[in-house]
Amino acid sequence: MSTMTDESERRAIANRLKRAEGQLRALISAVERGDDCRAIVTQLSAVSSALDRAGFAIVAGAMRDCVVRDGSGEPVEGELTVGELEKLFLTLA
């Protein structure tokens, strides 16, 4: 399977995931402290959105980079097909 080749794209996705990691740690701390449920739900929403954005960026990159076709237009073996990409996308929905 192909991997994302654009270094800046990989770096941007990794940064999104690192931000989500920080938000998740703050969320865990808020739950452990017994913070107000509104604040916890707001933080949970932020973490969820950050992960969704990272997932969509990965799928979008895969749509560009991972569907490799041969000269006849058929997917190259070992690469993601359009159907597989659709399944990946739907797991995020």
C-alpha atoms as a PDB file:
ATOM      1  CA  MET A   1       0.000   0.000   0.000  1.00  0.00           C
ATOM      2  CA  SER A   2       1.248   3.481  -0.776  1.00  0.00           C
ATOM      3  CA  THR A   3       1.983   5.925   1.977  1.00  0.00           C
ATOM      4  CA  MET A   4       1.496   9.650   1.977  1.00  0.00           C
ATOM      5  CA  THR A   5       4.554  11.031   0.259  1.00  0.00           C
ATOM      6  CA  ASP A   6       4.128  14.740   0.804  1.00  0.00           C
ATOM      7  CA  GLU A   7       6.224  15.638   3.853  1.00  0.00           C
ATOM      8  CA  SER A   8       4.298  18.824   4.609  1.00  0.00           C
ATOM      9  CA  GLU A   9       1.005  16.923   4.500  1.00  0.00           C
ATOM     10  CA  ARG A  10       2.319  14.275   6.912  1.00  0.00           C
ATOM     11  CA  ARG A  11       3.640  16.981   9.219  1.00  0.00           C
ATOM     12  CA  ALA A  12       0.289  18.831   9.188  1.00  0.00           C
ATOM     13  CA  ILE A  13      -1.621  15.648  10.028  1.00  0.00           C
ATOM     14  CA  ALA A  14       0.841  14.735  12.780  1.00  0.00           C
ATOM     15  CA  ASN A  15       0.442  18.243  14.236  1.00  0.00           C
ATOM     16  CA  ARG A  16      -3.354  17.884  14.231  1.00  0.00           C
ATOM     17  CA  LEU A  17      -3.036  14.564  16.054  1.00  0.00           C
ATOM     18  CA  LYS A  18      -0.613  16.044  18.583  1.00  0.00           C
ATOM     19  CA  ARG A  19      -3.073  18.866  19.290  1.00  0.00           C
ATOM     20  CA  ALA A  20      -5.827  16.280  19.713  1.00  0.00           C
ATOM     21  CA  GLU A  21      -3.561  14.359  22.089  1.00  0.00           C
ATOM     22  CA  GLY A  22      -3.106  17.495  24.212  1.00  0.00           C
ATOM     23  CA  GLN A  23      -6.846  18.152  24.167  1.00  0.00           C
ATOM     24  CA  LEU A  24      -7.513  14.547  25.195  1.00  0.00           C
ATOM     25  CA  ARG A  25      -5.094  14.805  28.115  1.00  0.00           C
ATOM     26  CA  ALA A  26      -6.869  17.989  29.248  1.00  0.00           C
ATOM     27  CA  LEU A  27     -10.197  16.202  28.903  1.00  0.00           C
ATOM     28  CA  ILE A  28      -9.025  13.277  31.029  1.00  0.00           C
ATOM     29  CA  SER A  29      -7.787  15.690  33.690  1.00  0.00           C
ATOM     30  CA  ALA A  30     -11.120  17.535  33.648  1.00  0.00           C
ATOM     31  CA  VAL A  31     -13.012  14.269  34.141  1.00  0.00           C
ATOM     32  CA  GLU A  32     -10.675  13.209  36.964  1.00  0.00           C
ATOM     33  CA  ARG A  33     -11.145  16.592  38.697  1.00  0.00           C
ATOM     34  CA  GLY A  34     -14.898  16.390  38.295  1.00  0.00           C
ATOM     35  CA  ASP A  35     -15.140  19.584  36.253  1.00  0.00           C
ATOM     36  CA  ASP A  36     -18.456  20.953  35.050  1.00  0.00           C
ATOM     37  CA  CYS A  37     -20.116  18.633  32.528  1.00  0.00           C
ATOM     38  CA  ARG A  38     -20.584  21.481  30.014  1.00  0.00           C
ATOM     39  CA  ALA A  39     -16.847  22.137  29.968  1.00  0.00           C
ATOM     40  CA  ILE A  40     -16.148  18.410  29.605  1.00  0.00           C
ATOM     41  CA  VAL A  41     -18.589  18.043  26.703  1.00  0.00           C
ATOM     42  CA  THR A  42     -17.058  21.101  25.013  1.00  0.00           C
ATOM     43  CA  GLN A  43     -13.580  19.581  25.338  1.00  0.00           C
ATOM     44  CA  LEU A  44     -14.856  16.218  24.126  1.00  0.00           C
ATOM     45  CA  SER A  45     -16.326  17.915  21.057  1.00  0.00           C
ATOM     46  CA  ALA A  46     -13.009  19.634  20.346  1.00  0.00           C
ATOM     47  CA  VAL A  47     -11.090  16.340  20.571  1.00  0.00           C
ATOM     48  CA  SER A  48     -13.614  14.603  18.346  1.00  0.00           C
ATOM     49  CA  SER A  49     -13.452  17.383  15.738  1.00  0.00           C
ATOM     50  CA  ALA A  50      -9.648  17.367  15.743  1.00  0.00           C
ATOM     51  CA  LEU A  51      -9.574  13.612  15.149  1.00  0.00           C
ATOM     52  CA  ASP A  52     -12.211  13.871  12.433  1.00  0.00           C
ATOM     53  CA  ARG A  53     -10.223  16.570  10.629  1.00  0.00           C
ATOM     54  CA  ALA A  54      -7.069  14.457  10.789  1.00  0.00           C
ATOM     55  CA  GLY A  55      -8.955  11.421   9.500  1.00  0.00           C
ATOM     56  CA  PHE A  56     -10.483  13.360   6.636  1.00  0.00           C
ATOM     57  CA  ALA A  57      -7.067  14.752   5.719  1.00  0.00           C
ATOM     58  CA  ILE A  58      -5.635  11.223   5.649  1.00  0.00           C
ATOM     59  CA  VAL A  59      -8.471   9.933   3.457  1.00  0.00           C
ATOM     60  CA  ALA A  60      -8.210  12.949   1.146  1.00  0.00           C
ATOM     61  CA  GLY A  61      -4.487  12.300   0.762  1.00  0.00           C
ATOM     62  CA  ALA A  62      -5.176   8.646   0.079  1.00  0.00           C
ATOM     63  CA  MET A  63      -7.679   9.595  -2.591  1.00  0.00           C
ATOM     64  CA  ARG A  64      -4.947  11.543  -4.352  1.00  0.00           C
ATOM     65  CA  ASP A  65      -1.960   9.352  -3.655  1.00  0.00           C
ATOM     66  CA  CYS A  66      -3.027   5.781  -2.956  1.00  0.00           C
ATOM     67  CA  VAL A  67      -5.285   4.904  -5.859  1.00  0.00           C
ATOM     68  CA  VAL A  68      -2.622   3.963  -8.343  1.00  0.00           C
ATOM     69  CA  ARG A  69      -3.807   2.664 -11.690  1.00  0.00           C
ATOM     70  CA  ASP A  70      -1.973   0.830 -14.424  1.00  0.00           C
ATOM     71  CA  GLY A  71      -2.099   1.746 -18.114  1.00  0.00           C
ATOM     72  CA  SER A  72      -5.516   0.087 -18.571  1.00  0.00           C
ATOM     73  CA  GLY A  73      -7.063   2.059 -15.712  1.00  0.00           C
ATOM     74  CA  GLU A  74      -7.202  -0.890 -13.312  1.00  0.00           C
ATOM     75  CA  PRO A  75      -5.999  -0.477  -9.697  1.00  0.00           C
ATOM     76  CA  VAL A  76      -2.468  -1.751  -9.162  1.00  0.00           C
ATOM     77  CA  GLU A  77      -2.392  -4.757  -6.843  1.00  0.00           C
ATOM     78  CA  GLY A  78      -1.530  -3.854  -3.258  1.00  0.00           C
ATOM     79  CA  GLU A  79      -2.859  -0.318  -3.646  1.00  0.00           C
ATOM     80  CA  LEU A  80      -6.123   1.014  -2.239  1.00  0.00           C
ATOM     81  CA  THR A  81      -9.098   0.790  -4.543  1.00  0.00           C
ATOM     82  CA  VAL A  82     -11.774   3.442  -4.762  1.00  0.00           C
ATOM     83  CA  GLY A  83     -14.129   1.063  -2.915  1.00  0.00           C
ATOM     84  CA  GLU A  84     -11.640   0.631  -0.088  1.00  0.00           C
ATOM     85  CA  LEU A  85     -11.236   4.407   0.159  1.00  0.00           C
ATOM     86  CA  GLU A  86     -15.006   4.796   0.316  1.00  0.00           C
ATOM     87  CA  LYS A  87     -15.114   2.305   3.198  1.00  0.00           C
ATOM     88  CA  LEU A  88     -12.347   4.224   5.009  1.00  0.00           C
ATOM     89  CA  PHE A  89     -14.227   7.473   4.488  1.00  0.00           C
ATOM     90  CA  LEU A  90     -17.473   5.994   5.798  1.00  0.00           C
ATOM     91  CA  THR A  91     -15.777   4.758   8.973  1.00  0.00           C
ATOM     92  CA  LEU A  92     -15.217   8.424   9.803  1.00  0.00           C
ATOM     93  CA  ALA A  93     -18.839   9.407   9.158  1.00  0.00           C
END
